[in-house]
N, C-alpha and C. Protein backbone atom coordinates (compact mmCIF):
# COMPACT_ATOMS: atom_id res chain seq x y z
N MET A 1 50.63 109.90 78.41
CA MET A 1 51.85 110.62 78.74
C MET A 1 52.92 109.61 79.11
N SER A 2 54.09 109.82 78.58
CA SER A 2 55.21 108.92 78.85
C SER A 2 55.60 108.99 80.33
N THR A 3 55.92 107.83 80.90
CA THR A 3 56.25 107.79 82.31
C THR A 3 57.70 108.16 82.59
N ASP A 4 58.57 108.07 81.59
CA ASP A 4 59.97 108.41 81.82
C ASP A 4 60.19 109.91 81.66
N MET A 5 60.89 110.48 82.62
CA MET A 5 61.16 111.92 82.59
C MET A 5 62.29 112.20 81.61
N ALA A 6 62.02 113.03 80.64
CA ALA A 6 63.02 113.39 79.64
C ALA A 6 63.90 114.52 80.16
N THR A 7 65.12 114.56 79.65
CA THR A 7 66.06 115.61 80.03
C THR A 7 66.14 116.65 78.92
N LYS A 8 66.00 117.90 79.29
CA LYS A 8 66.09 119.02 78.35
C LYS A 8 67.49 119.05 77.74
N LEU A 9 67.55 119.22 76.42
CA LEU A 9 68.84 119.27 75.72
C LEU A 9 69.47 120.66 75.86
N ASN A 10 70.80 120.70 75.79
CA ASN A 10 71.47 121.99 75.83
C ASN A 10 71.41 122.66 74.45
N ASP A 11 71.69 123.95 74.41
CA ASP A 11 71.59 124.73 73.18
C ASP A 11 72.48 124.17 72.07
N GLU A 12 73.68 123.74 72.41
CA GLU A 12 74.62 123.22 71.40
C GLU A 12 74.07 121.97 70.72
N SER A 13 73.47 121.08 71.51
CA SER A 13 72.89 119.86 70.94
C SER A 13 71.75 120.18 69.99
N ILE A 14 70.92 121.11 70.38
CA ILE A 14 69.77 121.49 69.54
C ILE A 14 70.25 122.15 68.26
N GLU A 15 71.18 123.10 68.37
CA GLU A 15 71.69 123.80 67.19
C GLU A 15 72.38 122.84 66.23
N SER A 16 73.12 121.89 66.76
CA SER A 16 73.79 120.89 65.93
C SER A 16 72.76 120.06 65.17
N TRP A 17 71.70 119.65 65.85
CA TRP A 17 70.65 118.88 65.21
C TRP A 17 69.98 119.71 64.11
N LEU A 18 69.70 120.97 64.39
CA LEU A 18 69.02 121.83 63.42
C LEU A 18 69.83 122.01 62.13
N THR A 19 71.15 122.01 62.22
CA THR A 19 71.97 122.18 61.02
C THR A 19 71.84 120.99 60.07
N ARG A 20 71.36 119.87 60.58
CA ARG A 20 71.23 118.66 59.76
C ARG A 20 69.79 118.38 59.34
N ARG A 21 68.85 119.26 59.70
CA ARG A 21 67.44 119.02 59.40
C ARG A 21 66.87 120.16 58.58
N GLU A 22 66.30 119.85 57.46
CA GLU A 22 65.74 120.88 56.59
C GLU A 22 64.37 121.35 57.10
N GLY A 23 64.22 122.66 57.19
CA GLY A 23 62.92 123.24 57.49
C GLY A 23 62.59 123.45 58.95
N TRP A 24 63.30 122.77 59.84
CA TRP A 24 63.04 122.93 61.27
C TRP A 24 63.79 124.15 61.80
N SER A 25 63.16 124.84 62.75
CA SER A 25 63.83 125.94 63.43
C SER A 25 63.43 125.90 64.90
N ARG A 26 64.06 126.78 65.63
CA ARG A 26 63.79 126.84 67.06
C ARG A 26 63.06 128.12 67.37
N ASP A 27 62.03 128.00 68.18
CA ASP A 27 61.29 129.15 68.67
C ASP A 27 61.23 129.01 70.19
N GLY A 28 62.22 129.56 70.86
CA GLY A 28 62.30 129.42 72.32
C GLY A 28 62.56 127.98 72.72
N ASP A 29 61.64 127.41 73.46
CA ASP A 29 61.77 126.03 73.92
C ASP A 29 60.99 125.05 73.05
N ARG A 30 60.81 125.41 71.78
CA ARG A 30 60.05 124.56 70.86
C ARG A 30 60.80 124.41 69.54
N LEU A 31 60.62 123.23 68.93
CA LEU A 31 61.02 123.03 67.53
C LEU A 31 59.80 123.29 66.69
N VAL A 32 59.95 124.02 65.59
CA VAL A 32 58.80 124.34 64.74
C VAL A 32 59.13 124.09 63.27
N LYS A 33 58.10 123.72 62.54
CA LYS A 33 58.23 123.54 61.09
C LYS A 33 56.87 123.71 60.45
N GLU A 34 56.86 124.33 59.27
CA GLU A 34 55.62 124.46 58.50
C GLU A 34 55.74 123.61 57.25
N TYR A 35 54.71 122.85 56.99
CA TYR A 35 54.61 122.02 55.79
C TYR A 35 53.53 122.61 54.89
N ARG A 36 53.77 122.57 53.58
CA ARG A 36 52.78 123.07 52.60
C ARG A 36 52.31 121.92 51.71
N PHE A 37 51.02 121.95 51.40
CA PHE A 37 50.42 120.89 50.60
C PHE A 37 49.59 121.47 49.46
N ASP A 38 49.16 120.62 48.55
CA ASP A 38 48.39 121.07 47.40
C ASP A 38 46.94 121.38 47.73
N SER A 39 46.43 120.80 48.82
CA SER A 39 45.01 120.99 49.14
C SER A 39 44.79 120.80 50.64
N PHE A 40 43.61 121.19 51.07
CA PHE A 40 43.22 120.98 52.46
C PHE A 40 43.21 119.49 52.78
N ARG A 41 42.68 118.69 51.88
CA ARG A 41 42.63 117.24 52.09
C ARG A 41 44.03 116.68 52.31
N ASP A 42 45.00 117.11 51.51
CA ASP A 42 46.38 116.64 51.69
C ASP A 42 46.93 117.04 53.05
N SER A 43 46.56 118.23 53.51
CA SER A 43 46.98 118.68 54.84
C SER A 43 46.43 117.75 55.92
N ILE A 44 45.18 117.37 55.79
CA ILE A 44 44.55 116.50 56.79
C ILE A 44 45.12 115.09 56.74
N VAL A 45 45.42 114.59 55.55
CA VAL A 45 46.08 113.29 55.43
C VAL A 45 47.41 113.31 56.19
N PHE A 46 48.16 114.39 56.02
CA PHE A 46 49.43 114.56 56.72
C PHE A 46 49.20 114.58 58.24
N VAL A 47 48.23 115.34 58.70
CA VAL A 47 47.94 115.43 60.13
C VAL A 47 47.60 114.04 60.68
N ASN A 48 46.85 113.26 59.95
CA ASN A 48 46.52 111.91 60.40
C ASN A 48 47.77 111.04 60.47
N ARG A 49 48.68 111.21 59.54
CA ARG A 49 49.95 110.47 59.57
C ARG A 49 50.76 110.88 60.80
N VAL A 50 50.80 112.17 61.08
CA VAL A 50 51.51 112.66 62.27
C VAL A 50 50.86 112.10 63.54
N ALA A 51 49.54 112.04 63.57
CA ALA A 51 48.83 111.52 64.75
C ALA A 51 49.22 110.07 65.02
N THR A 52 49.34 109.28 63.97
CA THR A 52 49.73 107.88 64.12
C THR A 52 51.14 107.77 64.71
N ILE A 53 52.06 108.54 64.16
CA ILE A 53 53.44 108.54 64.65
C ILE A 53 53.49 109.00 66.11
N ALA A 54 52.78 110.07 66.41
CA ALA A 54 52.77 110.63 67.77
C ALA A 54 52.22 109.61 68.77
N ASP A 55 51.18 108.90 68.39
CA ASP A 55 50.63 107.88 69.28
C ASP A 55 51.63 106.74 69.48
N GLU A 56 52.32 106.35 68.41
CA GLU A 56 53.33 105.28 68.52
C GLU A 56 54.43 105.67 69.49
N LEU A 57 54.85 106.94 69.46
CA LEU A 57 55.93 107.42 70.31
C LEU A 57 55.44 107.95 71.66
N ASP A 58 54.12 108.04 71.81
CA ASP A 58 53.50 108.59 73.01
C ASP A 58 54.06 109.98 73.32
N HIS A 59 54.15 110.78 72.25
CA HIS A 59 54.64 112.16 72.37
C HIS A 59 53.94 112.96 71.28
N HIS A 60 53.22 114.00 71.66
CA HIS A 60 52.29 114.65 70.74
C HIS A 60 52.63 116.12 70.51
N PRO A 61 52.70 116.53 69.24
CA PRO A 61 53.01 117.92 68.91
C PRO A 61 51.76 118.80 68.97
N ASP A 62 51.98 120.10 69.03
CA ASP A 62 50.90 121.05 68.79
C ASP A 62 50.79 121.18 67.28
N ILE A 63 49.57 121.15 66.76
CA ILE A 63 49.33 121.17 65.31
C ILE A 63 48.36 122.30 64.98
N ASP A 64 48.73 123.11 63.97
CA ASP A 64 47.87 124.18 63.49
C ASP A 64 47.66 123.98 62.00
N VAL A 65 46.41 123.84 61.58
CA VAL A 65 46.08 123.62 60.17
C VAL A 65 45.47 124.89 59.60
N ARG A 66 46.04 125.38 58.50
CA ARG A 66 45.53 126.55 57.78
C ARG A 66 45.44 126.20 56.30
N TYR A 67 44.33 125.59 55.93
CA TYR A 67 44.05 125.15 54.56
C TYR A 67 45.16 124.27 54.00
N ASP A 68 46.15 124.86 53.29
CA ASP A 68 47.19 124.05 52.65
C ASP A 68 48.50 124.06 53.43
N ARG A 69 48.47 124.60 54.66
CA ARG A 69 49.67 124.67 55.51
C ARG A 69 49.40 124.01 56.85
N VAL A 70 50.38 123.25 57.30
CA VAL A 70 50.30 122.64 58.62
C VAL A 70 51.57 123.04 59.38
N SER A 71 51.38 123.65 60.54
CA SER A 71 52.51 124.02 61.39
C SER A 71 52.57 123.07 62.58
N LEU A 72 53.77 122.57 62.84
CA LEU A 72 53.99 121.69 63.98
C LEU A 72 54.90 122.38 64.98
N SER A 73 54.62 122.15 66.24
CA SER A 73 55.43 122.68 67.33
C SER A 73 55.69 121.53 68.30
N LEU A 74 56.97 121.26 68.56
CA LEU A 74 57.35 120.14 69.41
C LEU A 74 58.10 120.65 70.63
N SER A 75 57.69 120.18 71.79
CA SER A 75 58.35 120.52 73.04
C SER A 75 57.96 119.48 74.08
N SER A 76 58.87 119.21 75.00
CA SER A 76 58.58 118.29 76.11
C SER A 76 58.26 119.14 77.33
N HIS A 77 56.97 119.33 77.56
CA HIS A 77 56.53 120.23 78.63
C HIS A 77 57.01 119.77 80.00
N ASP A 78 57.07 118.45 80.20
CA ASP A 78 57.50 117.93 81.51
C ASP A 78 58.97 118.24 81.78
N ALA A 79 59.77 118.44 80.71
CA ALA A 79 61.19 118.75 80.87
C ALA A 79 61.46 120.25 80.73
N GLY A 80 60.46 121.00 80.32
CA GLY A 80 60.63 122.45 80.17
C GLY A 80 61.36 122.86 78.92
N GLY A 81 61.31 122.05 77.87
CA GLY A 81 61.98 122.42 76.63
C GLY A 81 62.13 121.25 75.68
N ILE A 82 63.13 121.34 74.84
CA ILE A 82 63.37 120.36 73.77
C ILE A 82 64.20 119.21 74.32
N THR A 83 63.74 117.99 74.03
CA THR A 83 64.42 116.78 74.49
C THR A 83 64.66 115.84 73.30
N ASP A 84 65.31 114.73 73.58
CA ASP A 84 65.50 113.71 72.54
C ASP A 84 64.17 113.22 71.98
N ARG A 85 63.12 113.20 72.80
CA ARG A 85 61.80 112.77 72.30
C ARG A 85 61.33 113.67 71.17
N ASP A 86 61.59 114.97 71.28
CA ASP A 86 61.18 115.91 70.23
C ASP A 86 61.98 115.67 68.95
N LEU A 87 63.28 115.46 69.09
CA LEU A 87 64.12 115.20 67.91
C LEU A 87 63.69 113.92 67.21
N LYS A 88 63.42 112.89 67.98
CA LYS A 88 62.99 111.61 67.41
C LYS A 88 61.65 111.76 66.69
N LEU A 89 60.72 112.47 67.30
CA LEU A 89 59.42 112.70 66.67
C LEU A 89 59.58 113.49 65.37
N ALA A 90 60.39 114.53 65.39
CA ALA A 90 60.61 115.34 64.18
C ALA A 90 61.21 114.49 63.07
N GLU A 91 62.17 113.66 63.40
CA GLU A 91 62.80 112.79 62.39
C GLU A 91 61.81 111.80 61.81
N ARG A 92 60.97 111.23 62.65
CA ARG A 92 59.95 110.27 62.16
C ARG A 92 58.94 110.98 61.26
N ILE A 93 58.55 112.18 61.62
CA ILE A 93 57.61 112.94 60.79
C ILE A 93 58.23 113.25 59.44
N ASP A 94 59.47 113.72 59.43
CA ASP A 94 60.15 114.01 58.16
C ASP A 94 60.26 112.76 57.30
N PHE A 95 60.60 111.64 57.90
CA PHE A 95 60.70 110.39 57.15
C PHE A 95 59.36 110.01 56.54
N ALA A 96 58.29 110.15 57.31
CA ALA A 96 56.96 109.81 56.81
C ALA A 96 56.53 110.72 55.68
N THR A 97 56.90 111.99 55.73
CA THR A 97 56.49 112.91 54.67
C THR A 97 57.35 112.74 53.43
N SER A 98 58.59 112.32 53.61
CA SER A 98 59.44 112.11 52.42
C SER A 98 58.99 110.89 51.65
N ALA A 99 58.25 110.00 52.30
CA ALA A 99 57.79 108.76 51.66
C ALA A 99 56.45 108.95 50.95
N ARG A 100 55.87 110.14 51.02
CA ARG A 100 54.53 110.31 50.42
C ARG A 100 54.58 110.52 48.92
């Protein structure tokens, strides 16, 4: 767990970020996105890539795997909502998946 306390972002900051990111949406105090793949194996490869990024950033998403679909949910529980850490993690995940 990261030792620095993150600050929850205001609604305007989150909405502005969402307008520039494809596929991400807000569900209460979480950022969510579903990714689709050709096979279960591809889904797991993606999850492993996300795990590496999450460990590098010391910030971990909730992950739900359903065969060819992977749903991610990002929130900073210590701050009670969405923070810059969540935005950074989402951007790194998108970059990693665009490179596949």
